[in-house]
C-alpha atoms as a PDB file:
ATOM      1  CA  MET A   1       0.272   0.014  -0.043  1.00  0.00           C
ATOM      2  CA  ALA A   2       1.579   3.296  -1.054  1.00  0.00           C
ATOM      3  CA  GLU A   3       1.848   6.108   2.035  1.00  0.00           C
ATOM      4  CA  PRO A   4      -0.547   8.756   1.540  1.00  0.00           C
ATOM      5  CA  GLU A   5       0.987  12.309   0.435  1.00  0.00           C
ATOM      6  CA  PRO A   6       1.551  14.807   3.071  1.00  0.00           C
ATOM      7  CA  LEU A   7      -1.245  17.452   3.451  1.00  0.00           C
ATOM      8  CA  ASP A   8      -0.090  21.052   2.981  1.00  0.00           C
ATOM      9  CA  ASP A   9      -0.042  21.651   6.973  1.00  0.00           C
ATOM     10  CA  GLU A  10       2.306  18.557   7.443  1.00  0.00           C
ATOM     11  CA  LEU A  11       4.865  19.514   5.297  1.00  0.00           C
ATOM     12  CA  TYR A  12       6.433  21.513   7.899  1.00  0.00           C
ATOM     13  CA  LEU A  13       7.119  18.696   9.936  1.00  0.00           C
ATOM     14  CA  MET A  14       9.314  17.149   7.274  1.00  0.00           C
ATOM     15  CA  ALA A  15      12.994  17.987   6.979  1.00  0.00           C
ATOM     16  CA  LYS A  16      14.891  17.219   3.717  1.00  0.00           C
ATOM     17  CA  LEU A  17      18.650  16.105   4.553  1.00  0.00           C
ATOM     18  CA  VAL A  18      20.733  16.708   1.410  1.00  0.00           C
ATOM     19  CA  PRO A  19      23.850  14.718   1.009  1.00  0.00           C
ATOM     20  CA  ARG A  20      26.090  17.323   2.596  1.00  0.00           C
ATOM     21  CA  LEU A  21      24.273  17.019   5.797  1.00  0.00           C
ATOM     22  CA  THR A  22      24.218  13.256   5.626  1.00  0.00           C
ATOM     23  CA  GLY A  23      27.154  11.914   4.013  1.00  0.00           C
ATOM     24  CA  LEU A  24      24.696   9.897   1.878  1.00  0.00           C
ATOM     25  CA  PRO A  25      24.754  10.316  -2.122  1.00  0.00           C
ATOM     26  CA  MET A  26      20.736  10.681  -1.737  1.00  0.00           C
ATOM     27  CA  ALA A  27      18.066  13.144  -0.120  1.00  0.00           C
ATOM     28  CA  VAL A  28      16.747  11.545   3.118  1.00  0.00           C
ATOM     29  CA  TRP A  29      13.300  12.944   4.555  1.00  0.00           C
ATOM     30  CA  VAL A  30      12.722  12.671   8.382  1.00  0.00           C
ATOM     31  CA  THR A  31       9.606  13.521   9.902  1.00  0.00           C
ATOM     32  CA  GLN A  32       7.780  13.611  13.412  1.00  0.00           C
ATOM     33  CA  ARG A  33       5.195  11.063  14.053  1.00  0.00           C
ATOM     34  CA  ASP A  34       2.215  13.649  14.034  1.00  0.00           C
ATOM     35  CA  GLY A  35      -0.695  11.257  13.380  1.00  0.00           C
ATOM     36  CA  TYR A  36       1.203   8.660  10.934  1.00  0.00           C
ATOM     37  CA  GLN A  37      -0.066   5.101  11.782  1.00  0.00           C
ATOM     38  CA  HIS A  38       3.380   3.300  11.231  1.00  0.00           C
ATOM     39  CA  ASP A  39       6.334   3.652  13.317  1.00  0.00           C
ATOM     40  CA  VAL A  40       9.194   5.565  12.572  1.00  0.00           C
ATOM     41  CA  ARG A  41      10.560   5.649   9.062  1.00  0.00           C
ATOM     42  CA  VAL A  42      12.389   7.946   6.724  1.00  0.00           C
ATOM     43  CA  LYS A  43      12.080   8.339   3.090  1.00  0.00           C
ATOM     44  CA  VAL A  44      14.980   7.963   0.848  1.00  0.00           C
ATOM     45  CA  SER A  45      15.371   9.444  -2.536  1.00  0.00           C
ATOM     46  CA  ARG A  46      16.082   6.755  -5.184  1.00  0.00           C
ATOM     47  CA  ALA A  47      18.081   9.413  -7.165  1.00  0.00           C
ATOM     48  CA  HIS A  48      21.657  10.485  -6.342  1.00  0.00           C
ATOM     49  CA  GLY A  49      22.221  14.097  -5.063  1.00  0.00           C
ATOM     50  CA  ALA A  50      20.210  16.554  -3.548  1.00  0.00           C
ATOM     51  CA  ARG A  51      17.098  17.107  -5.990  1.00  0.00           C
ATOM     52  CA  GLY A  52      15.241  13.875  -4.884  1.00  0.00           C
ATOM     53  CA  SER A  53      11.292  14.510  -4.471  1.00  0.00           C
ATOM     54  CA  TRP A  54       9.258  13.070  -1.673  1.00  0.00           C
ATOM     55  CA  PRO A  55       6.530  11.277  -3.966  1.00  0.00           C
ATOM     56  CA  ASP A  56       9.555   9.402  -5.436  1.00  0.00           C
ATOM     57  CA  ALA A  57      11.098   8.521  -2.237  1.00  0.00           C
ATOM     58  CA  VAL A  58      11.322   5.170  -0.886  1.00  0.00           C
ATOM     59  CA  PRO A  59      10.289   4.643   2.831  1.00  0.00           C
ATOM     60  CA  VAL A  60      12.886   2.816   5.006  1.00  0.00           C
ATOM     61  CA  ALA A  61      11.625   1.489   8.730  1.00  0.00           C
ATOM     62  CA  VAL A  62      13.813   2.416  11.621  1.00  0.00           C
ATOM     63  CA  ARG A  63      12.567  -0.001  14.121  1.00  0.00           C
ATOM     64  CA  PRO A  64      12.929  -2.450  15.532  1.00  0.00           C
ATOM     65  CA  THR A  65      15.771  -2.895  12.686  1.00  0.00           C
ATOM     66  CA  PRO A  66      16.347  -0.467   9.395  1.00  0.00           C
ATOM     67  CA  ARG A  67      14.693  -2.285   6.611  1.00  0.00           C
ATOM     68  CA  LEU A  68      12.691  -1.346   3.070  1.00  0.00           C
ATOM     69  CA  VAL A  69       9.367  -1.044   3.406  1.00  0.00           C
ATOM     70  CA  VAL A  70       8.981  -1.833   0.005  1.00  0.00           C
ATOM     71  CA  ALA A  71      11.353  -4.892  -0.876  1.00  0.00           C
ATOM     72  CA  GLY A  72      13.716  -4.181  -4.011  1.00  0.00           C
ATOM     73  CA  SER A  73      12.870  -0.159  -4.354  1.00  0.00           C
ATOM     74  CA  LEU A  74      16.652   0.408  -3.438  1.00  0.00           C
ATOM     75  CA  SER A  75      19.791  -0.781  -4.715  1.00  0.00           C
ATOM     76  CA  ILE A  76      21.627  -3.354  -1.985  1.00  0.00           C
ATOM     77  CA  ALA A  77      24.794  -0.636  -2.151  1.00  0.00           C
ATOM     78  CA  ASP A  78      22.139   2.540  -1.325  1.00  0.00           C
ATOM     79  CA  LEU A  79      20.498   0.362   1.132  1.00  0.00           C
ATOM     80  CA  ASN A  80      23.612  -0.758   2.866  1.00  0.00           C
ATOM     81  CA  LEU A  81      24.648   2.954   3.387  1.00  0.00           C
ATOM     82  CA  VAL A  82      21.315   4.085   4.170  1.00  0.00           C
ATOM     83  CA  ILE A  83      21.071   1.242   6.862  1.00  0.00           C
ATOM     84  CA  THR A  84      24.774   2.553   8.300  1.00  0.00           C
ATOM     85  CA  TRP A  85      23.175   5.921   8.410  1.00  0.00           C
ATOM     86  CA  ILE A  86      20.353   5.188  10.121  1.00  0.00           C
ATOM     87  CA  ARG A  87      22.281   3.114  12.573  1.00  0.00           C
ATOM     88  CA  LEU A  88      24.698   6.163  13.390  1.00  0.00           C
ATOM     89  CA  ASN A  89      21.856   8.358  14.034  1.00  0.00           C
ATOM     90  CA  GLU A  90      18.877   6.111  15.214  1.00  0.00           C
ATOM     91  CA  ALA A  91      18.643   7.490  18.815  1.00  0.00           C
ATOM     92  CA  ALA A  92      18.070  11.420  16.991  1.00  0.00           C
ATOM     93  CA  ILE A  93      16.090  10.296  14.418  1.00  0.00           C
ATOM     94  CA  ASN A  94      13.646   8.254  16.842  1.00  0.00           C
ATOM     95  CA  ASP A  95      13.684  11.552  19.309  1.00  0.00           C
ATOM     96  CA  TYR A  96      12.716  13.706  16.467  1.00  0.00           C
ATOM     97  CA  TRP A  97       9.670  11.264  15.187  1.00  0.00           C
ATOM     98  CA  GLU A  98       8.764  10.968  18.826  1.00  0.00           C
ATOM     99  CA  GLU A  99       8.626  14.891  18.971  1.00  0.00           C
ATOM    100  CA  MET A 100      10.821  14.944  22.110  1.00  0.00           C
ATOM    101  CA  ILE A 101      13.334  17.426  20.123  1.00  0.00           C
ATOM    102  CA  GLU A 102      12.837  19.765  17.339  1.00  0.00           C
ATOM    103  CA  ILE A 103      14.691  20.296  13.841  1.00  0.00           C
ATOM    104  CA  ASP A 104      17.412  22.274  15.097  1.00  0.00           C
ATOM    105  CA  GLU A 105      18.248  19.973  17.747  1.00  0.00           C
ATOM    106  CA  PHE A 106      17.970  16.776  15.567  1.00  0.00           C
ATOM    107  CA  LEU A 107      20.286  18.764  13.084  1.00  0.00           C
ATOM    108  CA  ALA A 108      22.864  19.228  15.608  1.00  0.00           C
ATOM    109  CA  ARG A 109      22.907  15.966  16.800  1.00  0.00           C
ATOM    110  CA  LEU A 110      23.126  14.369  13.211  1.00  0.00           C
ATOM    111  CA  GLN A 111      26.337  12.498  12.472  1.00  0.00           C
ATOM    112  CA  LEU A 112      27.764  12.223   9.020  1.00  0.00           C
ATOM    113  CA  LEU A 113      28.378   8.788   7.030  1.00  0.00           C
ATOM    114  CA  PRO A 114      31.794   8.037   7.371  1.00  0.00           C
ATOM    115  CA  PRO A 115      33.507   8.482   3.894  1.00  0.00           C
END
């Protein structure tokens, strides 16, 4: 089942993280829970670079272990990078999802993927 598009008033809850902020080769979005029925996820652009878009992004679950929500929607190499990045930033991602921190603190806690 496809994830519904966010409403205009939900867009402010999303943070698009470009490669220079994550060390990943693609953009990633994080959100706060704000009524979503699923557990914590990040959305990952399939395209490398900073220009990815939310509607084309792939959901990757964070808990209990990082995994694709839709099998085969990312290359194995990209998925492995995303999983490594999630594990590095899992506490901050979860705290942002749970609305325990705001975006400024999330960004301050964010760790780059090692080269």
